[in-house]
Amino acid sequence: MLEIKNITVSYDIAPALWDISLSVHEGKIVSIVGSNGAGKSTMLRTISGVIHPRLGTIEFNQQRIDHLPPHQIARMGISHIPEGRRIFPHLSVIENLRMGALPLKNQNRFEKLLQNVFDLFPVLAERQNQSGGTLSGGEQQMLAVGRGLMADPKILLLDEPSLGLAPIIMDALFDVIARLNHQGQTILLVEQNAYLSLEVGHYAYVLEVGRIVLEGEASKLIDDPHVKRAYLGR
């Protein structure tokens, strides 16, 4: 579904990603593991068109997208849930979800998508008329994910979904990620919590200082000595 080939990305003159290649197959969860500053968020911003690569190509369903603006990429079915939630705090929950549905090609699907979001996150249904900024951190993260799902994406780009969450909320959110995948949702997951990321993922890449240093089946990378030492504290 998504094919990244030898991309290099720079901020001004400072390189952020070097010669990165990765693939995401339909119906899979692919995890990108790495510490702060490794380039994980830059990767997602490049896929969604916020940044354009200096070298290399990005193909989505066999169509090049590395030169397209973000709104066109979103309409093709790539939904990016950024780090830090970025909800609209002065809009209600339901208004935030309606904003997420703007890229929908078929607006008749709105009610079905909305019901699915409320099934995944019942608290959003209970608080649909409440301002987004008054929600707890965990609820805001649920709203951010729900807003991304309202675009009916072919692939969901999740950037640090567990950031700042209490462990019990973190576990519940990753249960939802697994449930979404069981529904057929393709997911590219960027996450600093390596254990959760590798536990839920099918395939994984380890990113260090802008370069991919390891890749493989996520279940096998959990047992890799380097991953254990650097990311799992074992």
C-alpha atoms as a PDB file:
ATOM      1  CA  MET A   1       0.000   0.000   0.000  1.00  0.00           C
ATOM      2  CA  LEU A   2       2.767   2.439   0.960  1.00  0.00           C
ATOM      3  CA  GLU A   3       6.274   2.278  -0.491  1.00  0.00           C
ATOM      4  CA  ILE A   4       9.044   4.642   0.563  1.00  0.00           C
ATOM      5  CA  LYS A   5      12.200   4.430  -1.516  1.00  0.00           C
ATOM      6  CA  ASN A   6      15.528   5.997  -0.532  1.00  0.00           C
ATOM      7  CA  ILE A   7      14.157   9.277   0.792  1.00  0.00           C
ATOM      8  CA  THR A   8      16.396  11.940   2.281  1.00  0.00           C
ATOM      9  CA  VAL A   9      14.787  14.814   4.189  1.00  0.00           C
ATOM     10  CA  SER A  10      16.452  17.992   5.421  1.00  0.00           C
ATOM     11  CA  TYR A  11      15.445  20.948   7.573  1.00  0.00           C
ATOM     12  CA  ASP A  12      17.219  23.843   5.866  1.00  0.00           C
ATOM     13  CA  ILE A  13      20.724  22.355   5.546  1.00  0.00           C
ATOM     14  CA  ALA A  14      20.458  19.884   8.435  1.00  0.00           C
ATOM     15  CA  PRO A  15      19.596  16.337   7.289  1.00  0.00           C
ATOM     16  CA  ALA A  16      16.856  14.635   9.330  1.00  0.00           C
ATOM     17  CA  LEU A  17      16.417  11.370   7.402  1.00  0.00           C
ATOM     18  CA  TRP A  18      19.044   9.606   5.277  1.00  0.00           C
ATOM     19  CA  ASP A  19      18.264   7.136   2.500  1.00  0.00           C
ATOM     20  CA  ILE A  20      15.154   5.676   4.173  1.00  0.00           C
ATOM     21  CA  SER A  21      13.214   2.825   2.568  1.00  0.00           C
ATOM     22  CA  LEU A  22      10.230   1.053   4.068  1.00  0.00           C
ATOM     23  CA  SER A  23       6.993  -0.668   3.044  1.00  0.00           C
ATOM     24  CA  VAL A  24       3.547  -0.950   4.585  1.00  0.00           C
ATOM     25  CA  HIS A  25       1.308  -3.747   3.351  1.00  0.00           C
ATOM     26  CA  GLU A  26      -2.463  -3.518   3.405  1.00  0.00           C
ATOM     27  CA  GLY A  27      -4.100  -4.722   6.608  1.00  0.00           C
ATOM     28  CA  LYS A  28      -0.882  -4.674   8.644  1.00  0.00           C
ATOM     29  CA  ILE A  29       0.465  -2.646  11.543  1.00  0.00           C
ATOM     30  CA  VAL A  30       4.003  -1.445  10.851  1.00  0.00           C
ATOM     31  CA  SER A  31       5.831   0.070  13.809  1.00  0.00           C
ATOM     32  CA  ILE A  32       8.676   2.568  13.765  1.00  0.00           C
ATOM     33  CA  VAL A  33      10.701   2.448  16.977  1.00  0.00           C
ATOM     34  CA  GLY A  34      13.266   5.006  18.038  1.00  0.00           C
ATOM     35  CA  SER A  35      14.284   7.494  20.699  1.00  0.00           C
ATOM     36  CA  ASN A  36      13.498  11.214  20.735  1.00  0.00           C
ATOM     37  CA  GLY A  37      15.132  12.994  17.820  1.00  0.00           C
ATOM     38  CA  ALA A  38      15.536   9.841  15.721  1.00  0.00           C
ATOM     39  CA  GLY A  39      13.367  11.245  12.912  1.00  0.00           C
ATOM     40  CA  LYS A  40      10.152   9.306  13.555  1.00  0.00           C
ATOM     41  CA  SER A  41       7.775  12.274  13.402  1.00  0.00           C
ATOM     42  CA  THR A  42       9.652  13.678  10.396  1.00  0.00           C
ATOM     43  CA  MET A  43       8.924  10.407   8.615  1.00  0.00           C
ATOM     44  CA  LEU A  44       5.172  10.779   9.119  1.00  0.00           C
ATOM     45  CA  ARG A  45       5.167  14.462   8.208  1.00  0.00           C
ATOM     46  CA  THR A  46       6.970  13.594   4.984  1.00  0.00           C
ATOM     47  CA  ILE A  47       4.433  10.901   4.087  1.00  0.00           C
ATOM     48  CA  SER A  48       1.504  13.251   4.722  1.00  0.00           C
ATOM     49  CA  GLY A  49       3.041  16.037   2.628  1.00  0.00           C
ATOM     50  CA  VAL A  50       3.865  18.548   5.364  1.00  0.00           C
ATOM     51  CA  ILE A  51       7.520  18.139   4.347  1.00  0.00           C
ATOM     52  CA  HIS A  52       8.798  17.094   0.923  1.00  0.00           C
ATOM     53  CA  PRO A  53      11.836  14.816   0.558  1.00  0.00           C
ATOM     54  CA  ARG A  54      14.984  16.176  -1.038  1.00  0.00           C
ATOM     55  CA  LEU A  55      15.700  12.787  -2.622  1.00  0.00           C
ATOM     56  CA  GLY A  56      13.747   9.574  -3.141  1.00  0.00           C
ATOM     57  CA  THR A  57      10.109   8.705  -3.793  1.00  0.00           C
ATOM     58  CA  ILE A  58       6.940   7.865  -1.866  1.00  0.00           C
ATOM     59  CA  GLU A  59       4.223   5.802  -3.531  1.00  0.00           C
ATOM     60  CA  PHE A  60       0.727   5.169  -2.198  1.00  0.00           C
ATOM     61  CA  ASN A  61      -1.245   2.478  -4.010  1.00  0.00           C
ATOM     62  CA  GLN A  62       1.332   2.705  -6.819  1.00  0.00           C
ATOM     63  CA  GLN A  63       0.894   6.465  -7.244  1.00  0.00           C
ATOM     64  CA  ARG A  64       3.656   8.918  -6.400  1.00  0.00           C
ATOM     65  CA  ILE A  65       2.673  11.341  -3.648  1.00  0.00           C
ATOM     66  CA  ASP A  66       5.986  12.892  -2.555  1.00  0.00           C
ATOM     67  CA  HIS A  67       5.286  16.082  -4.533  1.00  0.00           C
ATOM     68  CA  LEU A  68       1.629  16.520  -3.476  1.00  0.00           C
ATOM     69  CA  PRO A  69       0.240  18.973  -0.875  1.00  0.00           C
ATOM     70  CA  PRO A  70      -1.227  17.588   2.369  1.00  0.00           C
ATOM     71  CA  HIS A  71      -4.896  18.105   1.494  1.00  0.00           C
ATOM     72  CA  GLN A  72      -4.574  16.017  -1.671  1.00  0.00           C
ATOM     73  CA  ILE A  73      -2.771  13.261   0.228  1.00  0.00           C
ATOM     74  CA  ALA A  74      -5.504  13.271   2.879  1.00  0.00           C
ATOM     75  CA  ARG A  75      -8.185  12.893   0.204  1.00  0.00           C
ATOM     76  CA  MET A  76      -6.348   9.868  -1.180  1.00  0.00           C
ATOM     77  CA  GLY A  77      -6.911   8.077   2.129  1.00  0.00           C
ATOM     78  CA  ILE A  78      -3.898   8.897   4.326  1.00  0.00           C
ATOM     79  CA  SER A  79      -4.941  10.146   7.758  1.00  0.00           C
ATOM     80  CA  HIS A  80      -2.211  11.604   9.987  1.00  0.00           C
ATOM     81  CA  ILE A  81      -2.814  11.837  13.746  1.00  0.00           C
ATOM     82  CA  PRO A  82       0.010  14.094  14.904  1.00  0.00           C
ATOM     83  CA  GLU A  83       2.020  14.017  18.095  1.00  0.00           C
ATOM     84  CA  GLY A  84       0.446  16.177  20.788  1.00  0.00           C
ATOM     85  CA  ARG A  85      -3.170  15.482  19.685  1.00  0.00           C
ATOM     86  CA  ARG A  86      -3.727  18.900  17.999  1.00  0.00           C
ATOM     87  CA  ILE A  87      -7.475  18.869  18.516  1.00  0.00           C
ATOM     88  CA  PHE A  88      -9.510  22.069  18.153  1.00  0.00           C
ATOM     89  CA  PRO A  89      -9.939  22.993  21.836  1.00  0.00           C
ATOM     90  CA  HIS A  90     -12.740  25.521  21.370  1.00  0.00           C
ATOM     91  CA  LEU A  91     -14.834  23.191  19.216  1.00  0.00           C
ATOM     92  CA  SER A  92     -17.073  20.513  20.693  1.00  0.00           C
ATOM     93  CA  VAL A  93     -16.259  16.825  20.393  1.00  0.00           C
ATOM     94  CA  ILE A  94     -18.800  16.358  17.600  1.00  0.00           C
ATOM     95  CA  GLU A  95     -17.479  19.449  15.773  1.00  0.00           C
ATOM     96  CA  ASN A  96     -13.930  18.071  15.978  1.00  0.00           C
ATOM     97  CA  LEU A  97     -15.181  14.801  14.492  1.00  0.00           C
ATOM     98  CA  ARG A  98     -16.987  16.665  11.711  1.00  0.00           C
ATOM     99  CA  MET A  99     -13.731  18.451  10.883  1.00  0.00           C
ATOM    100  CA  GLY A 100     -12.082  15.055  10.510  1.00  0.00           C
ATOM    101  CA  ALA A 101     -14.737  14.033   7.990  1.00  0.00           C
ATOM    102  CA  LEU A 102     -13.950  16.889   5.579  1.00  0.00           C
ATOM    103  CA  PRO A 103     -11.817  14.684   3.259  1.00  0.00           C
ATOM    104  CA  LEU A 104     -14.689  12.178   2.902  1.00  0.00           C
ATOM    105  CA  LYS A 105     -15.559  11.529  -0.718  1.00  0.00           C
ATOM    106  CA  ASN A 106     -18.891   9.991   0.286  1.00  0.00           C
ATOM    107  CA  GLN A 107     -20.531  12.105   2.976  1.00  0.00           C
ATOM    108  CA  ASN A 108     -23.283   9.490   3.302  1.00  0.00           C
ATOM    109  CA  ARG A 109     -20.768   7.401   5.263  1.00  0.00           C
ATOM    110  CA  PHE A 110     -20.569  10.022   7.986  1.00  0.00           C
ATOM    111  CA  GLU A 111     -23.116   8.454  10.336  1.00  0.00           C
ATOM    112  CA  LYS A 112     -21.610   4.976   9.983  1.00  0.00           C
ATOM    113  CA  LEU A 113     -18.111   6.269  10.679  1.00  0.00           C
ATOM    114  CA  LEU A 114     -19.352   8.325  13.610  1.00  0.00           C
ATOM    115  CA  GLN A 115     -21.030   5.290  15.156  1.00  0.00           C
ATOM    116  CA  ASN A 116     -17.832   3.279  14.789  1.00  0.00           C
ATOM    117  CA  VAL A 117     -15.860   6.016  16.602  1.00  0.00           C
ATOM    118  CA  PHE A 118     -18.450   6.081  19.392  1.00  0.00           C
ATOM    119  CA  ASP A 119     -18.299   2.268  19.638  1.00  0.00           C
ATOM    120  CA  LEU A 120     -14.509   2.445  19.988  1.00  0.00           C
ATOM    121  CA  PHE A 121     -14.593   5.390  22.406  1.00  0.00           C
ATOM    122  CA  PRO A 122     -17.938   5.482  24.296  1.00  0.00           C
ATOM    123  CA  VAL A 123     -16.760   8.454  26.369  1.00  0.00           C
ATOM    124  CA  LEU A 124     -16.768  10.587  23.202  1.00  0.00           C
ATOM    125  CA  ALA A 125     -20.449   9.792  22.666  1.00  0.00           C
ATOM    126  CA  GLU A 126     -21.189  10.808  26.247  1.00  0.00           C
ATOM    127  CA  ARG A 127     -19.300  14.090  25.834  1.00  0.00           C
ATOM    128  CA  GLN A 128     -20.035  14.914  22.212  1.00  0.00           C
ATOM    129  CA  ASN A 129     -21.295  18.425  23.045  1.00  0.00           C
ATOM    130  CA  GLN A 130     -18.398  19.196  25.406  1.00  0.00           C
ATOM    131  CA  SER A 131     -15.522  21.430  24.276  1.00  0.00           C
ATOM    132  CA  GLY A 132     -12.476  19.430  23.249  1.00  0.00           C
ATOM    133  CA  GLY A 133     -10.197  21.540  25.437  1.00  0.00           C
ATOM    134  CA  THR A 134     -12.056  20.498  28.595  1.00  0.00           C
ATOM    135  CA  LEU A 135     -11.382  16.785  28.071  1.00  0.00           C
ATOM    136  CA  SER A 136      -8.658  14.922  29.943  1.00  0.00           C
ATOM    137  CA  GLY A 137      -5.405  14.127  28.150  1.00  0.00           C
ATOM    138  CA  GLY A 138      -6.499  10.562  27.481  1.00  0.00           C
ATOM    139  CA  GLU A 139      -9.878  11.672  26.167  1.00  0.00           C
ATOM    140  CA  GLN A 140      -8.216  14.231  23.909  1.00  0.00           C
ATOM    141  CA  GLN A 141      -6.034  11.468  22.465  1.00  0.00           C
ATOM    142  CA  MET A 142      -9.170   9.380  21.849  1.00  0.00           C
ATOM    143  CA  LEU A 143     -10.713  12.391  20.106  1.00  0.00           C
ATOM    144  CA  ALA A 144      -7.601  12.849  17.967  1.00  0.00           C
ATOM    145  CA  VAL A 145      -7.745   9.200  16.876  1.00  0.00           C
ATOM    146  CA  GLY A 146     -11.499   9.420  16.322  1.00  0.00           C
ATOM    147  CA  ARG A 147     -11.098  12.551  14.206  1.00  0.00           C
ATOM    148  CA  GLY A 148      -8.534  10.742  12.049  1.00  0.00           C
ATOM    149  CA  LEU A 149     -10.881   7.798  11.584  1.00  0.00           C
ATOM    150  CA  MET A 150     -13.703  10.079  10.427  1.00  0.00           C
ATOM    151  CA  ALA A 151     -11.834  10.581   7.139  1.00  0.00           C
ATOM    152  CA  ASP A 152     -12.394   6.849   6.412  1.00  0.00           C
ATOM    153  CA  PRO A 153      -8.659   6.370   5.822  1.00  0.00           C
ATOM    154  CA  LYS A 154      -7.006   3.591   3.889  1.00  0.00           C
ATOM    155  CA  ILE A 155      -3.973   4.018   6.150  1.00  0.00           C
ATOM    156  CA  LEU A 156      -3.698   5.639   9.573  1.00  0.00           C
ATOM    157  CA  LEU A 157      -0.451   7.375  10.565  1.00  0.00           C
ATOM    158  CA  LEU A 158      -0.225   7.422  14.369  1.00  0.00           C
ATOM    159  CA  ASP A 159       2.448   9.626  15.933  1.00  0.00           C
ATOM    160  CA  GLU A 160       3.281   8.866  19.592  1.00  0.00           C
ATOM    161  CA  PRO A 161      -0.288   8.001  20.664  1.00  0.00           C
ATOM    162  CA  SER A 162       0.808   7.005  24.195  1.00  0.00           C
ATOM    163  CA  LEU A 163       2.652  10.261  24.923  1.00  0.00           C
ATOM    164  CA  GLY A 164       1.721  11.654  28.333  1.00  0.00           C
ATOM    165  CA  LEU A 165      -0.934   9.028  29.070  1.00  0.00           C
ATOM    166  CA  ALA A 166      -1.394   7.090  32.293  1.00  0.00           C
ATOM    167  CA  PRO A 167      -0.514   3.377  31.897  1.00  0.00           C
ATOM    168  CA  ILE A 168      -4.147   2.215  32.138  1.00  0.00           C
ATOM    169  CA  ILE A 169      -5.225   4.678  29.414  1.00  0.00           C
ATOM    170  CA  MET A 170      -2.208   3.724  27.313  1.00  0.00           C
ATOM    171  CA  ASP A 171      -3.147   0.035  27.459  1.00  0.00           C
ATOM    172  CA  ALA A 172      -6.768   0.823  26.559  1.00  0.00           C
ATOM    173  CA  LEU A 173      -5.652   2.895  23.570  1.00  0.00           C
ATOM    174  CA  PHE A 174      -3.424   0.108  22.276  1.00  0.00           C
ATOM    175  CA  ASP A 175      -6.337  -2.302  22.647  1.00  0.00           C
ATOM    176  CA  VAL A 176      -8.271   0.023  20.327  1.00  0.00           C
ATOM    177  CA  ILE A 177      -5.357   0.075  17.863  1.00  0.00           C
ATOM    178  CA  ALA A 178      -5.400  -3.729  17.787  1.00  0.00           C
ATOM    179  CA  ARG A 179      -9.186  -3.705  17.381  1.00  0.00           C
ATOM    180  CA  LEU A 180      -8.959  -1.269  14.478  1.00  0.00           C
ATOM    181  CA  ASN A 181      -6.471  -3.553  12.777  1.00  0.00           C
ATOM    182  CA  HIS A 182      -8.799  -6.531  13.273  1.00  0.00           C
ATOM    183  CA  GLN A 183     -11.399  -4.446  11.428  1.00  0.00           C
ATOM    184  CA  GLY A 184      -8.958  -4.248   8.515  1.00  0.00           C
ATOM    185  CA  GLN A 185      -7.356  -0.865   9.190  1.00  0.00           C
ATOM    186  CA  THR A 186      -3.779  -0.473   7.940  1.00  0.00           C
ATOM    187  CA  ILE A 187      -1.626   1.431  10.441  1.00  0.00           C
ATOM    188  CA  LEU A 188       1.841   2.989  10.442  1.00  0.00           C
ATOM    189  CA  LEU A 189       2.678   3.492  14.099  1.00  0.00           C
ATOM    190  CA  VAL A 190       5.398   5.762  15.481  1.00  0.00           C
ATOM    191  CA  GLU A 191       5.866   5.129  19.180  1.00  0.00           C
ATOM    192  CA  GLN A 192       8.561   5.676  21.775  1.00  0.00           C
ATOM    193  CA  ASN A 193       7.184   2.877  23.966  1.00  0.00           C
ATOM    194  CA  ALA A 194       9.029   0.140  22.106  1.00  0.00           C
ATOM    195  CA  TYR A 195       7.465  -2.778  23.932  1.00  0.00           C
ATOM    196  CA  LEU A 196       3.862  -1.741  23.197  1.00  0.00           C
ATOM    197  CA  SER A 197       4.761  -0.856  19.623  1.00  0.00           C
ATOM    198  CA  LEU A 198       6.454  -4.189  18.911  1.00  0.00           C
ATOM    199  CA  GLU A 199       3.772  -6.133  20.749  1.00  0.00           C
ATOM    200  CA  VAL A 200       0.966  -4.768  18.563  1.00  0.00           C
ATOM    201  CA  GLY A 201       2.905  -4.534  15.272  1.00  0.00           C
ATOM    202  CA  HIS A 202       3.383  -7.113  12.529  1.00  0.00           C
ATOM    203  CA  TYR A 203       6.594  -5.649  11.122  1.00  0.00           C
ATOM    204  CA  ALA A 204       8.922  -3.015  12.565  1.00  0.00           C
ATOM    205  CA  TYR A 205      11.760  -0.669  11.721  1.00  0.00           C
ATOM    206  CA  VAL A 206      14.252   0.715  14.231  1.00  0.00           C
ATOM    207  CA  LEU A 207      15.228   4.307  13.446  1.00  0.00           C
ATOM    208  CA  GLU A 208      18.348   5.856  14.957  1.00  0.00           C
ATOM    209  CA  VAL A 209      19.637   9.346  14.138  1.00  0.00           C
ATOM    210  CA  GLY A 210      17.743   9.456  10.843  1.00  0.00           C
ATOM    211  CA  ARG A 211      18.732   6.003   9.607  1.00  0.00           C
ATOM    212  CA  ILE A 212      17.064   2.603   9.713  1.00  0.00           C
ATOM    213  CA  VAL A 213      19.431   0.305  11.596  1.00  0.00           C
ATOM    214  CA  LEU A 214      17.183  -2.760  12.008  1.00  0.00           C
ATOM    215  CA  GLU A 215      14.000  -4.168  10.533  1.00  0.00           C
ATOM    216  CA  GLY A 216      12.053  -7.386  10.750  1.00  0.00           C
ATOM    217  CA  GLU A 217       9.004  -9.093  12.180  1.00  0.00           C
ATOM    218  CA  ALA A 218       8.007  -7.174  15.290  1.00  0.00           C
ATOM    219  CA  SER A 219       7.741 -10.306  17.428  1.00  0.00           C
ATOM    220  CA  LYS A 220      11.345 -11.204  16.603  1.00  0.00           C
ATOM    221  CA  LEU A 221      12.708  -7.708  17.195  1.00  0.00           C
ATOM    222  CA  ILE A 222      11.425  -7.883  20.775  1.00  0.00           C
ATOM    223  CA  ASP A 223      14.090 -10.538  21.355  1.00  0.00           C
ATOM    224  CA  ASP A 224      16.866  -8.735  19.454  1.00  0.00           C
ATOM    225  CA  PRO A 225      19.787  -7.962  21.824  1.00  0.00           C
ATOM    226  CA  HIS A 226      20.232  -4.403  20.533  1.00  0.00           C
ATOM    227  CA  VAL A 227      16.516  -3.610  20.866  1.00  0.00           C
ATOM    228  CA  LYS A 228      16.417  -5.141  24.335  1.00  0.00           C
ATOM    229  CA  ARG A 229      19.399  -3.108  25.477  1.00  0.00           C
ATOM    230  CA  ALA A 230      18.498   0.196  23.839  1.00  0.00           C
ATOM    231  CA  TYR A 231      14.699   0.303  24.072  1.00  0.00           C
ATOM    232  CA  LEU A 232      13.353  -2.337  26.425  1.00  0.00           C
ATOM    233  CA  GLY A 233      15.698  -1.859  29.369  1.00  0.00           C
ATOM    234  CA  ARG A 234      16.622  -5.524  29.461  1.00  0.00           C
END
